[in-house]
Amino acid sequence: MVEFSRSLDLAFGVIQTVVSLTGCILNCFSFNYFVTLKPRNAISEFFKRLYTIITVNDFLICALMIPVIEDAFSVNRDGMTGLQLYWGNYTANGLLFSNDVFCSGWFFVYGVLPAMSIFLVG
């Protein structure tokens, strides 16, 4: 079995927490800006709605990292991540990724939201 470094897990958890919180806060500001923006014509109304949807999607992507952060800070992980729990018959001691139903749902949403973000921006 591969031994994982607890200090690297903690460093990853701290960095992921800072990045996710920053993303959530800034996307809330962006959402507020686009909601209060007054469109001048039909084209600007379309782009206002598009950017509002993009900010909501980006906020959800940042918020989706909460279980990953929780898993990085969990004790006695035995070197298994939540994604390994989904792909194999492993046990995880993280609160959220130890549930098979949550893990499967999270994995699906984590695949859909970034793809939707690429589609919306493209």
PDB file of N, CA and C in Angstrom:
ATOM      1  N   MET A   1       0.843  -1.184   0.000  1.00  0.00           N
ATOM      2  CA  MET A   1       0.000   0.000   0.000  1.00  0.00           C
ATOM      3  C   MET A   1       0.884   1.241   0.000  1.00  0.00           C
ATOM      4  N   VAL A   2       0.480   2.229  -0.727  1.00  0.00           N
ATOM      5  CA  VAL A   2       1.230   3.472  -0.831  1.00  0.00           C
ATOM      6  C   VAL A   2       0.951   4.320   0.397  1.00  0.00           C
ATOM      7  N   GLU A   3       1.994   4.859   0.977  1.00  0.00           N
ATOM      8  CA  GLU A   3       1.840   5.734   2.133  1.00  0.00           C
ATOM      9  C   GLU A   3       1.727   7.183   1.659  1.00  0.00           C
ATOM     10  N   PHE A   4       0.697   7.869   2.115  1.00  0.00           N
ATOM     11  CA  PHE A   4       0.495   9.265   1.766  1.00  0.00           C
ATOM     12  C   PHE A   4       0.948  10.147   2.916  1.00  0.00           C
ATOM     13  N   SER A   5       1.444  11.311   2.569  1.00  0.00           N
ATOM     14  CA  SER A   5       1.948  12.239   3.569  1.00  0.00           C
ATOM     15  C   SER A   5       0.792  13.046   4.162  1.00  0.00           C
ATOM     16  N   ARG A   6       0.683  13.001   5.465  1.00  0.00           N
ATOM     17  CA  ARG A   6      -0.381  13.762   6.146  1.00  0.00           C
ATOM     18  C   ARG A   6      -0.170  15.263   5.969  1.00  0.00           C
ATOM     19  N   SER A   7       1.092  15.709   5.976  1.00  0.00           N
ATOM     20  CA  SER A   7       1.360  17.142   5.818  1.00  0.00           C
ATOM     21  C   SER A   7       0.973  17.623   4.420  1.00  0.00           C
ATOM     22  N   LEU A   8       1.185  16.777   3.407  1.00  0.00           N
ATOM     23  CA  LEU A   8       0.761  17.167   2.060  1.00  0.00           C
ATOM     24  C   LEU A   8      -0.761  17.200   1.946  1.00  0.00           C
ATOM     25  N   ASP A   9      -1.433  16.276   2.620  1.00  0.00           N
ATOM     26  CA  ASP A   9      -2.897  16.310   2.644  1.00  0.00           C
ATOM     27  C   ASP A   9      -3.403  17.604   3.273  1.00  0.00           C
ATOM     28  N   LEU A  10      -2.777  17.991   4.379  1.00  0.00           N
ATOM     29  CA  LEU A  10      -3.184  19.230   5.049  1.00  0.00           C
ATOM     30  C   LEU A  10      -2.890  20.453   4.187  1.00  0.00           C
ATOM     31  N   ALA A  11      -1.728  20.461   3.519  1.00  0.00           N
ATOM     32  CA  ALA A  11      -1.391  21.584   2.639  1.00  0.00           C
ATOM     33  C   ALA A  11      -2.386  21.674   1.485  1.00  0.00           C
ATOM     34  N   PHE A  12      -2.715  20.509   0.907  1.00  0.00           N
ATOM     35  CA  PHE A  12      -3.709  20.493  -0.164  1.00  0.00           C
ATOM     36  C   PHE A  12      -5.061  20.995   0.339  1.00  0.00           C
ATOM     37  N   GLY A  13      -5.446  20.559   1.538  1.00  0.00           N
ATOM     38  CA  GLY A  13      -6.718  20.993   2.106  1.00  0.00           C
ATOM     39  C   GLY A  13      -6.770  22.493   2.344  1.00  0.00           C
ATOM     40  N   VAL A  14      -5.680  23.062   2.845  1.00  0.00           N
ATOM     41  CA  VAL A  14      -5.634  24.507   3.099  1.00  0.00           C
ATOM     42  C   VAL A  14      -5.699  25.282   1.786  1.00  0.00           C
ATOM     43  N   ILE A  15      -4.910  24.860   0.794  1.00  0.00           N
ATOM     44  CA  ILE A  15      -4.921  25.552  -0.504  1.00  0.00           C
ATOM     45  C   ILE A  15      -6.287  25.437  -1.159  1.00  0.00           C
ATOM     46  N   GLN A  16      -6.867  24.263  -1.125  1.00  0.00           N
ATOM     47  CA  GLN A  16      -8.193  24.060  -1.723  1.00  0.00           C
ATOM     48  C   GLN A  16      -9.254  24.878  -1.000  1.00  0.00           C
ATOM     49  N   THR A  17      -9.140  25.011   0.306  1.00  0.00           N
ATOM     50  CA  THR A  17     -10.089  25.820   1.071  1.00  0.00           C
ATOM     51  C   THR A  17     -10.005  27.282   0.667  1.00  0.00           C
ATOM     52  N   VAL A  18      -8.789  27.805   0.583  1.00  0.00           N
ATOM     53  CA  VAL A  18      -8.598  29.211   0.209  1.00  0.00           C
ATOM     54  C   VAL A  18      -9.118  29.464  -1.206  1.00  0.00           C
ATOM     55  N   VAL A  19      -8.773  28.592  -2.132  1.00  0.00           N
ATOM     56  CA  VAL A  19      -9.196  28.776  -3.527  1.00  0.00           C
ATOM     57  C   VAL A  19     -10.717  28.663  -3.655  1.00  0.00           C
ATOM     58  N   SER A  20     -11.307  27.675  -2.994  1.00  0.00           N
ATOM     59  CA  SER A  20     -12.756  27.491  -3.098  1.00  0.00           C
ATOM     60  C   SER A  20     -13.528  28.630  -2.446  1.00  0.00           C
ATOM     61  N   LEU A  21     -13.080  29.073  -1.274  1.00  0.00           N
ATOM     62  CA  LEU A  21     -13.747  30.207  -0.619  1.00  0.00           C
ATOM     63  C   LEU A  21     -13.631  31.468  -1.456  1.00  0.00           C
ATOM     64  N   THR A  22     -12.444  31.711  -2.002  1.00  0.00           N
ATOM     65  CA  THR A  22     -12.264  32.882  -2.861  1.00  0.00           C
ATOM     66  C   THR A  22     -13.179  32.799  -4.077  1.00  0.00           C
ATOM     67  N   GLY A  23     -13.242  31.627  -4.698  1.00  0.00           N
ATOM     68  CA  GLY A  23     -14.111  31.452  -5.859  1.00  0.00           C
ATOM     69  C   GLY A  23     -15.574  31.654  -5.526  1.00  0.00           C
ATOM     70  N   CYS A  24     -16.024  31.124  -4.394  1.00  0.00           N
ATOM     71  CA  CYS A  24     -17.423  31.295  -3.996  1.00  0.00           C
ATOM     72  C   CYS A  24     -17.754  32.758  -3.735  1.00  0.00           C
ATOM     73  N   ILE A  25     -16.876  33.438  -3.018  1.00  0.00           N
ATOM     74  CA  ILE A  25     -17.126  34.848  -2.685  1.00  0.00           C
ATOM     75  C   ILE A  25     -17.138  35.710  -3.941  1.00  0.00           C
ATOM     76  N   LEU A  26     -16.148  35.535  -4.804  1.00  0.00           N
ATOM     77  CA  LEU A  26     -16.079  36.366  -6.012  1.00  0.00           C
ATOM     78  C   LEU A  26     -17.218  36.050  -6.981  1.00  0.00           C
ATOM     79  N   ASN A  27     -17.640  34.796  -7.052  1.00  0.00           N
ATOM     80  CA  ASN A  27     -18.778  34.473  -7.910  1.00  0.00           C
ATOM     81  C   ASN A  27     -20.079  35.031  -7.351  1.00  0.00           C
ATOM     82  N   CYS A  28     -20.191  35.159  -6.033  1.00  0.00           N
ATOM     83  CA  CYS A  28     -21.365  35.831  -5.454  1.00  0.00           C
ATOM     84  C   CYS A  28     -21.396  37.298  -5.847  1.00  0.00           C
ATOM     85  N   PHE A  29     -20.238  37.960  -5.812  1.00  0.00           N
ATOM     86  CA  PHE A  29     -20.171  39.358  -6.249  1.00  0.00           C
ATOM     87  C   PHE A  29     -20.516  39.481  -7.735  1.00  0.00           C
ATOM     88  N   SER A  30     -19.997  38.572  -8.547  1.00  0.00           N
ATOM     89  CA  SER A  30     -20.295  38.601  -9.982  1.00  0.00           C
ATOM     90  C   SER A  30     -21.775  38.370 -10.239  1.00  0.00           C
ATOM     91  N   PHE A  31     -22.357  37.419  -9.513  1.00  0.00           N
ATOM     92  CA  PHE A  31     -23.783  37.157  -9.657  1.00  0.00           C
ATOM     93  C   PHE A  31     -24.601  38.392  -9.308  1.00  0.00           C
ATOM     94  N   ASN A  32     -24.252  39.039  -8.210  1.00  0.00           N
ATOM     95  CA  ASN A  32     -24.960  40.260  -7.803  1.00  0.00           C
ATOM     96  C   ASN A  32     -24.830  41.344  -8.865  1.00  0.00           C
ATOM     97  N   TYR A  33     -23.648  41.490  -9.445  1.00  0.00           N
ATOM     98  CA  TYR A  33     -23.444  42.493 -10.481  1.00  0.00           C
ATOM     99  C   TYR A  33     -24.337  42.223 -11.692  1.00  0.00           C
ATOM    100  N   PHE A  34     -24.347  40.993 -12.170  1.00  0.00           N
ATOM    101  CA  PHE A  34     -25.112  40.683 -13.378  1.00  0.00           C
ATOM    102  C   PHE A  34     -26.620  40.695 -13.129  1.00  0.00           C
ATOM    103  N   VAL A  35     -27.053  40.392 -11.922  1.00  0.00           N
ATOM    104  CA  VAL A  35     -28.483  40.443 -11.621  1.00  0.00           C
ATOM    105  C   VAL A  35     -28.971  41.887 -11.581  1.00  0.00           C
ATOM    106  N   THR A  36     -28.160  42.783 -11.053  1.00  0.00           N
ATOM    107  CA  THR A  36     -28.569  44.188 -10.938  1.00  0.00           C
ATOM    108  C   THR A  36     -28.289  44.997 -12.195  1.00  0.00           C
ATOM    109  N   LEU A  37     -27.592  44.431 -13.164  1.00  0.00           N
ATOM    110  CA  LEU A  37     -27.265  45.131 -14.400  1.00  0.00           C
ATOM    111  C   LEU A  37     -28.528  45.373 -15.219  1.00  0.00           C
ATOM    112  N   LYS A  38     -28.690  46.581 -15.705  1.00  0.00           N
ATOM    113  CA  LYS A  38     -29.850  46.933 -16.530  1.00  0.00           C
ATOM    114  C   LYS A  38     -29.497  46.757 -18.004  1.00  0.00           C
ATOM    115  N   PRO A  39     -30.174  45.831 -18.696  1.00  0.00           N
ATOM    116  CA  PRO A  39     -29.877  45.620 -20.119  1.00  0.00           C
ATOM    117  C   PRO A  39     -30.421  46.756 -20.975  1.00  0.00           C
ATOM    118  N   ARG A  40     -29.676  47.063 -22.049  1.00  0.00           N
ATOM    119  CA  ARG A  40     -30.093  48.143 -22.950  1.00  0.00           C
ATOM    120  C   ARG A  40     -30.956  47.640 -24.098  1.00  0.00           C
ATOM    121  N   ASN A  41     -30.729  46.396 -24.501  1.00  0.00           N
ATOM    122  CA  ASN A  41     -31.505  45.826 -25.603  1.00  0.00           C
ATOM    123  C   ASN A  41     -31.577  44.314 -25.433  1.00  0.00           C
ATOM    124  N   ALA A  42     -32.133  43.636 -26.422  1.00  0.00           N
ATOM    125  CA  ALA A  42     -32.327  42.183 -26.307  1.00  0.00           C
ATOM    126  C   ALA A  42     -30.997  41.429 -26.287  1.00  0.00           C
ATOM    127  N   ILE A  43     -30.018  41.912 -27.024  1.00  0.00           N
ATOM    128  CA  ILE A  43     -28.714  41.234 -27.052  1.00  0.00           C
ATOM    129  C   ILE A  43     -28.031  41.357 -25.696  1.00  0.00           C
ATOM    130  N   SER A  44     -28.075  42.536 -25.093  1.00  0.00           N
ATOM    131  CA  SER A  44     -27.450  42.683 -23.776  1.00  0.00           C
ATOM    132  C   SER A  44     -28.210  41.894 -22.712  1.00  0.00           C
ATOM    133  N   GLU A  45     -29.515  41.726 -22.882  1.00  0.00           N
ATOM    134  CA  GLU A  45     -30.293  40.883 -21.964  1.00  0.00           C
ATOM    135  C   GLU A  45     -29.850  39.423 -22.077  1.00  0.00           C
ATOM    136  N   PHE A  46     -29.604  38.963 -23.295  1.00  0.00           N
ATOM    137  CA  PHE A  46     -29.126  37.598 -23.503  1.00  0.00           C
ATOM    138  C   PHE A  46     -27.781  37.379 -22.805  1.00  0.00           C
ATOM    139  N   PHE A  47     -26.843  38.295 -23.009  1.00  0.00           N
ATOM    140  CA  PHE A  47     -25.527  38.129 -22.398  1.00  0.00           C
ATOM    141  C   PHE A  47     -25.570  38.290 -20.886  1.00  0.00           C
ATOM    142  N   LYS A  48     -26.470  39.135 -20.407  1.00  0.00           N
ATOM    143  CA  LYS A  48     -26.640  39.263 -18.961  1.00  0.00           C
ATOM    144  C   LYS A  48     -27.081  37.927 -18.371  1.00  0.00           C
ATOM    145  N   ARG A  49     -28.051  37.279 -18.989  1.00  0.00           N
ATOM    146  CA  ARG A  49     -28.511  35.977 -18.502  1.00  0.00           C
ATOM    147  C   ARG A  49     -27.429  34.905 -18.640  1.00  0.00           C
ATOM    148  N   LEU A  50     -26.703  34.947 -19.744  1.00  0.00           N
ATOM    149  CA  LEU A  50     -25.634  33.974 -19.956  1.00  0.00           C
ATOM    150  C   LEU A  50     -24.549  34.108 -18.879  1.00  0.00           C
ATOM    151  N   TYR A  51     -24.102  35.315 -18.604  1.00  0.00           N
ATOM    152  CA  TYR A  51     -23.074  35.518 -17.589  1.00  0.00           C
ATOM    153  C   TYR A  51     -23.593  35.193 -16.191  1.00  0.00           C
ATOM    154  N   THR A  52     -24.869  35.426 -15.951  1.00  0.00           N
ATOM    155  CA  THR A  52     -25.460  35.045 -14.664  1.00  0.00           C
ATOM    156  C   THR A  52     -25.427  33.526 -14.490  1.00  0.00           C
ATOM    157  N   ILE A  53     -25.769  32.799 -15.541  1.00  0.00           N
ATOM    158  CA  ILE A  53     -25.723  31.335 -15.480  1.00  0.00           C
ATOM    159  C   ILE A  53     -24.287  30.849 -15.302  1.00  0.00           C
ATOM    160  N   ILE A  54     -23.344  31.491 -15.970  1.00  0.00           N
ATOM    161  CA  ILE A  54     -21.933  31.110 -15.831  1.00  0.00           C
ATOM    162  C   ILE A  54     -21.457  31.316 -14.398  1.00  0.00           C
ATOM    163  N   THR A  55     -21.840  32.425 -13.773  1.00  0.00           N
ATOM    164  CA  THR A  55     -21.400  32.659 -12.393  1.00  0.00           C
ATOM    165  C   THR A  55     -22.036  31.655 -11.432  1.00  0.00           C
ATOM    166  N   VAL A  56     -23.286  31.276 -11.658  1.00  0.00           N
ATOM    167  CA  VAL A  56     -23.922  30.266 -10.813  1.00  0.00           C
ATOM    168  C   VAL A  56     -23.214  28.920 -10.983  1.00  0.00           C
ATOM    169  N   ASN A  57     -22.906  28.571 -12.213  1.00  0.00           N
ATOM    170  CA  ASN A  57     -22.207  27.316 -12.485  1.00  0.00           C
ATOM    171  C   ASN A  57     -20.818  27.314 -11.829  1.00  0.00           C
ATOM    172  N   ASP A  58     -20.091  28.411 -11.950  1.00  0.00           N
ATOM    173  CA  ASP A  58     -18.765  28.487 -11.324  1.00  0.00           C
ATOM    174  C   ASP A  58     -18.856  28.442  -9.806  1.00  0.00           C
ATOM    175  N   PHE A  59     -19.882  29.061  -9.246  1.00  0.00           N
ATOM    176  CA  PHE A  59     -20.085  28.977  -7.796  1.00  0.00           C
ATOM    177  C   PHE A  59     -20.319  27.527  -7.374  1.00  0.00           C
ATOM    178  N   LEU A  60     -21.139  26.806  -8.135  1.00  0.00           N
ATOM    179  CA  LEU A  60     -21.409  25.406  -7.807  1.00  0.00           C
ATOM    180  C   LEU A  60     -20.156  24.546  -7.914  1.00  0.00           C
ATOM    181  N   ILE A  61     -19.294  24.837  -8.887  1.00  0.00           N
ATOM    182  CA  ILE A  61     -18.036  24.100  -9.008  1.00  0.00           C
ATOM    183  C   ILE A  61     -17.169  24.341  -7.783  1.00  0.00           C
ATOM    184  N   CYS A  62     -17.091  25.588  -7.336  1.00  0.00           N
ATOM    185  CA  CYS A  62     -16.295  25.898  -6.136  1.00  0.00           C
ATOM    186  C   CYS A  62     -16.910  25.245  -4.893  1.00  0.00           C
ATOM    187  N   ALA A  63     -18.220  25.276  -4.781  1.00  0.00           N
ATOM    188  CA  ALA A  63     -18.884  24.667  -3.623  1.00  0.00           C
ATOM    189  C   ALA A  63     -18.790  23.149  -3.660  1.00  0.00           C
ATOM    190  N   LEU A  64     -18.657  22.586  -4.850  1.00  0.00           N
ATOM    191  CA  LEU A  64     -18.542  21.138  -4.991  1.00  0.00           C
ATOM    192  C   LEU A  64     -17.234  20.611  -4.398  1.00  0.00           C
ATOM    193  N   MET A  65     -16.295  21.489  -4.148  1.00  0.00           N
ATOM    194  CA  MET A  65     -15.011  21.075  -3.577  1.00  0.00           C
ATOM    195  C   MET A  65     -15.078  20.872  -2.060  1.00  0.00           C
ATOM    196  N   ILE A  66     -16.193  21.220  -1.432  1.00  0.00           N
ATOM    197  CA  ILE A  66     -16.307  21.071   0.025  1.00  0.00           C
ATOM    198  C   ILE A  66     -16.087  19.619   0.468  1.00  0.00           C
ATOM    199  N   PRO A  67     -16.674  18.617  -0.198  1.00  0.00           N
ATOM    200  CA  PRO A  67     -16.380  17.232   0.223  1.00  0.00           C
ATOM    201  C   PRO A  67     -14.920  16.845   0.031  1.00  0.00           C
ATOM    202  N   VAL A  68     -14.270  17.384  -1.006  1.00  0.00           N
ATOM    203  CA  VAL A  68     -12.851  17.090  -1.232  1.00  0.00           C
ATOM    204  C   VAL A  68     -12.015  17.688  -0.107  1.00  0.00           C
ATOM    205  N   ILE A  69     -12.373  18.901   0.301  1.00  0.00           N
ATOM    206  CA  ILE A  69     -11.665  19.555   1.414  1.00  0.00           C
ATOM    207  C   ILE A  69     -11.871  18.754   2.693  1.00  0.00           C
ATOM    208  N   GLU A  70     -13.100  18.316   2.927  1.00  0.00           N
ATOM    209  CA  GLU A  70     -13.387  17.530   4.123  1.00  0.00           C
ATOM    210  C   GLU A  70     -12.592  16.228   4.108  1.00  0.00           C
ATOM    211  N   ASP A  71     -12.469  15.622   2.953  1.00  0.00           N
ATOM    212  CA  ASP A  71     -11.719  14.374   2.837  1.00  0.00           C
ATOM    213  C   ASP A  71     -10.231  14.599   3.079  1.00  0.00           C
ATOM    214  N   ALA A  72      -9.710  15.746   2.644  1.00  0.00           N
ATOM    215  CA  ALA A  72      -8.288  16.041   2.864  1.00  0.00           C
ATOM    216  C   ALA A  72      -7.983  16.240   4.345  1.00  0.00           C
ATOM    217  N   PHE A  73      -8.931  16.764   5.101  1.00  0.00           N
ATOM    218  CA  PHE A  73      -8.717  17.002   6.537  1.00  0.00           C
ATOM    219  C   PHE A  73      -9.155  15.835   7.411  1.00  0.00           C
ATOM    220  N   SER A  74      -9.755  14.792   6.817  1.00  0.00           N
ATOM    221  CA  SER A  74     -10.239  13.678   7.633  1.00  0.00           C
ATOM    222  C   SER A  74      -9.067  12.853   8.163  1.00  0.00           C
ATOM    223  N   VAL A  75      -9.281  12.226   9.295  1.00  0.00           N
ATOM    224  CA  VAL A  75      -8.242  11.449   9.961  1.00  0.00           C
ATOM    225  C   VAL A  75      -8.338   9.987   9.518  1.00  0.00           C
ATOM    226  N   ASN A  76      -7.213   9.311   9.473  1.00  0.00           N
ATOM    227  CA  ASN A  76      -7.140   7.875   9.147  1.00  0.00           C
ATOM    228  C   ASN A  76      -7.761   7.557   7.791  1.00  0.00           C
ATOM    229  N   ARG A  77      -7.281   8.218   6.761  1.00  0.00           N
ATOM    230  CA  ARG A  77      -7.819   7.965   5.431  1.00  0.00           C
ATOM    231  C   ARG A  77      -7.260   6.691   4.824  1.00  0.00           C
ATOM    232  N   ASP A  78      -6.226   6.138   5.364  1.00  0.00           N
ATOM    233  CA  ASP A  78      -5.581   4.932   4.838  1.00  0.00           C
ATOM    234  C   ASP A  78      -5.131   5.111   3.398  1.00  0.00           C
ATOM    235  N   GLY A  79      -4.849   6.348   3.004  1.00  0.00           N
ATOM    236  CA  GLY A  79      -4.344   6.598   1.662  1.00  0.00           C
ATOM    237  C   GLY A  79      -5.370   6.487   0.562  1.00  0.00           C
ATOM    238  N   MET A  80      -6.633   6.364   0.890  1.00  0.00           N
ATOM    239  CA  MET A  80      -7.663   6.223  -0.131  1.00  0.00           C
ATOM    240  C   MET A  80      -8.408   7.538  -0.295  1.00  0.00           C
ATOM    241  N   THR A  81      -8.597   7.944  -1.522  1.00  0.00           N
ATOM    242  CA  THR A  81      -9.376   9.142  -1.783  1.00  0.00           C
ATOM    243  C   THR A  81     -10.805   8.746  -2.110  1.00  0.00           C
ATOM    244  N   GLY A  82     -11.677   9.720  -2.164  1.00  0.00           N
ATOM    245  CA  GLY A  82     -13.075   9.453  -2.473  1.00  0.00           C
ATOM    246  C   GLY A  82     -13.267   8.864  -3.855  1.00  0.00           C
ATOM    247  N   LEU A  83     -12.465   9.312  -4.830  1.00  0.00           N
ATOM    248  CA  LEU A  83     -12.607   8.777  -6.173  1.00  0.00           C
ATOM    249  C   LEU A  83     -12.189   7.315  -6.216  1.00  0.00           C
ATOM    250  N   GLN A  84     -11.197   6.927  -5.425  1.00  0.00           N
ATOM    251  CA  GLN A  84     -10.831   5.520  -5.358  1.00  0.00           C
ATOM    252  C   GLN A  84     -11.962   4.717  -4.719  1.00  0.00           C
ATOM    253  N   LEU A  85     -12.690   5.338  -3.808  1.00  0.00           N
ATOM    254  CA  LEU A  85     -13.846   4.670  -3.210  1.00  0.00           C
ATOM    255  C   LEU A  85     -14.894   4.395  -4.282  1.00  0.00           C
ATOM    256  N   TYR A  86     -15.058   5.341  -5.208  1.00  0.00           N
ATOM    257  CA  TYR A  86     -16.043   5.156  -6.267  1.00  0.00           C
ATOM    258  C   TYR A  86     -15.621   4.050  -7.230  1.00  0.00           C
ATOM    259  N   TRP A  87     -14.327   4.001  -7.572  1.00  0.00           N
ATOM    260  CA  TRP A  87     -13.862   3.061  -8.579  1.00  0.00           C
ATOM    261  C   TRP A  87     -13.537   1.683  -8.026  1.00  0.00           C
ATOM    262  N   GLY A  88     -13.388   1.542  -6.745  1.00  0.00           N
ATOM    263  CA  GLY A  88     -13.014   0.255  -6.205  1.00  0.00           C
ATOM    264  C   GLY A  88     -13.781  -0.054  -4.934  1.00  0.00           C
ATOM    265  N   ASN A  89     -13.449  -1.153  -4.326  1.00  0.00           N
ATOM    266  CA  ASN A  89     -14.099  -1.559  -3.097  1.00  0.00           C
ATOM    267  C   ASN A  89     -13.237  -1.169  -1.902  1.00  0.00           C
ATOM    268  N   TYR A  90     -12.989   0.093  -1.761  1.00  0.00           N
ATOM    269  CA  TYR A  90     -12.164   0.595  -0.676  1.00  0.00           C
ATOM    270  C   TYR A  90     -13.046   1.243   0.379  1.00  0.00           C
ATOM    271  N   THR A  91     -12.471   1.452   1.527  1.00  0.00           N
ATOM    272  CA  THR A  91     -13.196   2.168   2.573  1.00  0.00           C
ATOM    273  C   THR A  91     -12.525   3.504   2.788  1.00  0.00           C
ATOM    274  N   ALA A  92     -13.312   4.518   2.982  1.00  0.00           N
ATOM    275  CA  ALA A  92     -12.792   5.850   3.266  1.00  0.00           C
ATOM    276  C   ALA A  92     -13.363   6.297   4.593  1.00  0.00           C
ATOM    277  N   ASN A  93     -12.590   7.049   5.332  1.00  0.00           N
ATOM    278  CA  ASN A  93     -13.043   7.515   6.630  1.00  0.00           C
ATOM    279  C   ASN A  93     -13.555   8.948   6.579  1.00  0.00           C
ATOM    280  N   GLY A  94     -13.559   9.563   5.415  1.00  0.00           N
ATOM    281  CA  GLY A  94     -14.156  10.872   5.286  1.00  0.00           C
ATOM    282  C   GLY A  94     -15.665  10.768   5.467  1.00  0.00           C
ATOM    283  N   LEU A  95     -16.261  11.773   6.011  1.00  0.00           N
ATOM    284  CA  LEU A  95     -17.684  11.729   6.323  1.00  0.00           C
ATOM    285  C   LEU A  95     -18.550  11.575   5.075  1.00  0.00           C
ATOM    286  N   LEU A  96     -18.254  12.324   4.015  1.00  0.00           N
ATOM    287  CA  LEU A  96     -19.126  12.338   2.848  1.00  0.00           C
ATOM    288  C   LEU A  96     -18.780  11.260   1.834  1.00  0.00           C
ATOM    289  N   PHE A  97     -17.500  11.065   1.543  1.00  0.00           N
ATOM    290  CA  PHE A  97     -17.116  10.097   0.527  1.00  0.00           C
ATOM    291  C   PHE A  97     -17.224   8.657   1.008  1.00  0.00           C
ATOM    292  N   SER A  98     -17.518   8.424   2.257  1.00  0.00           N
ATOM    293  CA  SER A  98     -17.709   7.050   2.713  1.00  0.00           C
ATOM    294  C   SER A  98     -19.100   6.534   2.364  1.00  0.00           C
ATOM    295  N   ASN A  99     -19.993   7.414   1.929  1.00  0.00           N
ATOM    296  CA  ASN A  99     -21.344   7.034   1.513  1.00  0.00           C
ATOM    297  C   ASN A  99     -21.334   6.771   0.010  1.00  0.00           C
ATOM    298  N   ASP A 100     -21.692   5.547  -0.396  1.00  0.00           N
ATOM    299  CA  ASP A 100     -21.653   5.168  -1.810  1.00  0.00           C
ATOM    300  C   ASP A 100     -22.584   6.010  -2.670  1.00  0.00           C
ATOM    301  N   VAL A 101     -23.762   6.312  -2.163  1.00  0.00           N
ATOM    302  CA  VAL A 101     -24.735   7.085  -2.935  1.00  0.00           C
ATOM    303  C   VAL A 101     -24.227   8.513  -3.143  1.00  0.00           C
ATOM    304  N   PHE A 102     -23.711   9.130  -2.081  1.00  0.00           N
ATOM    305  CA  PHE A 102     -23.170  10.480  -2.211  1.00  0.00           C
ATOM    306  C   PHE A 102     -21.996  10.497  -3.171  1.00  0.00           C
ATOM    307  N   CYS A 103     -21.117   9.511  -3.046  1.00  0.00           N
ATOM    308  CA  CYS A 103     -19.924   9.459  -3.879  1.00  0.00           C
ATOM    309  C   CYS A 103     -20.286   9.324  -5.357  1.00  0.00           C
ATOM    310  N   SER A 104     -21.251   8.484  -5.657  1.00  0.00           N
ATOM    311  CA  SER A 104     -21.689   8.318  -7.044  1.00  0.00           C
ATOM    312  C   SER A 104     -22.327   9.598  -7.576  1.00  0.00           C
ATOM    313  N   GLY A 105     -23.174  10.233  -6.768  1.00  0.00           N
ATOM    314  CA  GLY A 105     -23.802  11.487  -7.180  1.00  0.00           C
ATOM    315  C   GLY A 105     -22.792  12.600  -7.359  1.00  0.00           C
ATOM    316  N   TRP A 106     -21.843  12.685  -6.434  1.00  0.00           N
ATOM    317  CA  TRP A 106     -20.803  13.712  -6.527  1.00  0.00           C
ATOM    318  C   TRP A 106     -19.984  13.507  -7.790  1.00  0.00           C
ATOM    319  N   PHE A 107     -19.625  12.264  -8.084  1.00  0.00           N
ATOM    320  CA  PHE A 107     -18.816  11.964  -9.257  1.00  0.00           C
ATOM    321  C   PHE A 107     -19.548  12.373 -10.535  1.00  0.00           C
ATOM    322  N   PHE A 108     -20.856  12.131 -10.603  1.00  0.00           N
ATOM    323  CA  PHE A 108     -21.651  12.525 -11.763  1.00  0.00           C
ATOM    324  C   PHE A 108     -21.695  14.044 -11.910  1.00  0.00           C
ATOM    325  N   VAL A 109     -22.006  14.739 -10.814  1.00  0.00           N
ATOM    326  CA  VAL A 109     -22.108  16.201 -10.861  1.00  0.00           C
ATOM    327  C   VAL A 109     -20.751  16.824 -11.181  1.00  0.00           C
ATOM    328  N   TYR A 110     -19.668  16.231 -10.643  1.00  0.00           N
ATOM    329  CA  TYR A 110     -18.325  16.743 -10.911  1.00  0.00           C
ATOM    330  C   TYR A 110     -17.953  16.568 -12.379  1.00  0.00           C
ATOM    331  N   GLY A 111     -18.547  15.624 -13.059  1.00  0.00           N
ATOM    332  CA  GLY A 111     -18.316  15.479 -14.485  1.00  0.00           C
ATOM    333  C   GLY A 111     -19.167  16.413 -15.319  1.00  0.00           C
ATOM    334  N   VAL A 112     -20.374  16.719 -14.840  1.00  0.00           N
ATOM    335  CA  VAL A 112     -21.310  17.542 -15.615  1.00  0.00           C
ATOM    336  C   VAL A 112     -20.998  19.037 -15.503  1.00  0.00           C
ATOM    337  N   LEU A 113     -20.748  19.537 -14.296  1.00  0.00           N
ATOM    338  CA  LEU A 113     -20.572  20.980 -14.118  1.00  0.00           C
ATOM    339  C   LEU A 113     -19.389  21.567 -14.893  1.00  0.00           C
ATOM    340  N   PRO A 114     -18.196  20.973 -14.852  1.00  0.00           N
ATOM    341  CA  PRO A 114     -17.109  21.537 -15.673  1.00  0.00           C
ATOM    342  C   PRO A 114     -17.401  21.474 -17.161  1.00  0.00           C
ATOM    343  N   ALA A 115     -18.041  20.405 -17.619  1.00  0.00           N
ATOM    344  CA  ALA A 115     -18.395  20.318 -19.036  1.00  0.00           C
ATOM    345  C   ALA A 115     -19.409  21.399 -19.400  1.00  0.00           C
ATOM    346  N   MET A 116     -20.351  21.649 -18.495  1.00  0.00           N
ATOM    347  CA  MET A 116     -21.328  22.713 -18.738  1.00  0.00           C
ATOM    348  C   MET A 116     -20.659  24.079 -18.751  1.00  0.00           C
ATOM    349  N   SER A 117     -19.654  24.259 -17.911  1.00  0.00           N
ATOM    350  CA  SER A 117     -18.918  25.517 -17.897  1.00  0.00           C
ATOM    351  C   SER A 117     -18.187  25.737 -19.228  1.00  0.00           C
ATOM    352  N   ILE A 118     -17.565  24.692 -19.744  1.00  0.00           N
ATOM    353  CA  ILE A 118     -16.883  24.796 -21.037  1.00  0.00           C
ATOM    354  C   ILE A 118     -17.889  25.120 -22.135  1.00  0.00           C
ATOM    355  N   PHE A 119     -19.045  24.489 -22.095  1.00  0.00           N
ATOM    356  CA  PHE A 119     -20.079  24.753 -23.102  1.00  0.00           C
ATOM    357  C   PHE A 119     -20.575  26.201 -23.010  1.00  0.00           C
ATOM    358  N   LEU A 120     -20.818  26.690 -21.807  1.00  0.00           N
ATOM    359  CA  LEU A 120     -21.349  28.049 -21.648  1.00  0.00           C
ATOM    360  C   LEU A 120     -20.337  29.112 -22.069  1.00  0.00           C
ATOM    361  N   VAL A 121     -19.082  28.903 -21.735  1.00  0.00           N
ATOM    362  CA  VAL A 121     -18.062  29.891 -22.083  1.00  0.00           C
ATOM    363  C   VAL A 121     -17.747  29.827 -23.570  1.00  0.00           C
ATOM    364  N   GLY A 122     -17.790  28.621 -24.129  1.00  0.00           N
ATOM    365  CA  GLY A 122     -17.463  28.445 -25.564  1.00  0.00           C
ATOM    366  C   GLY A 122     -18.574  28.969 -26.419  1.00  0.00           C
TER     367      GLY A 122
END
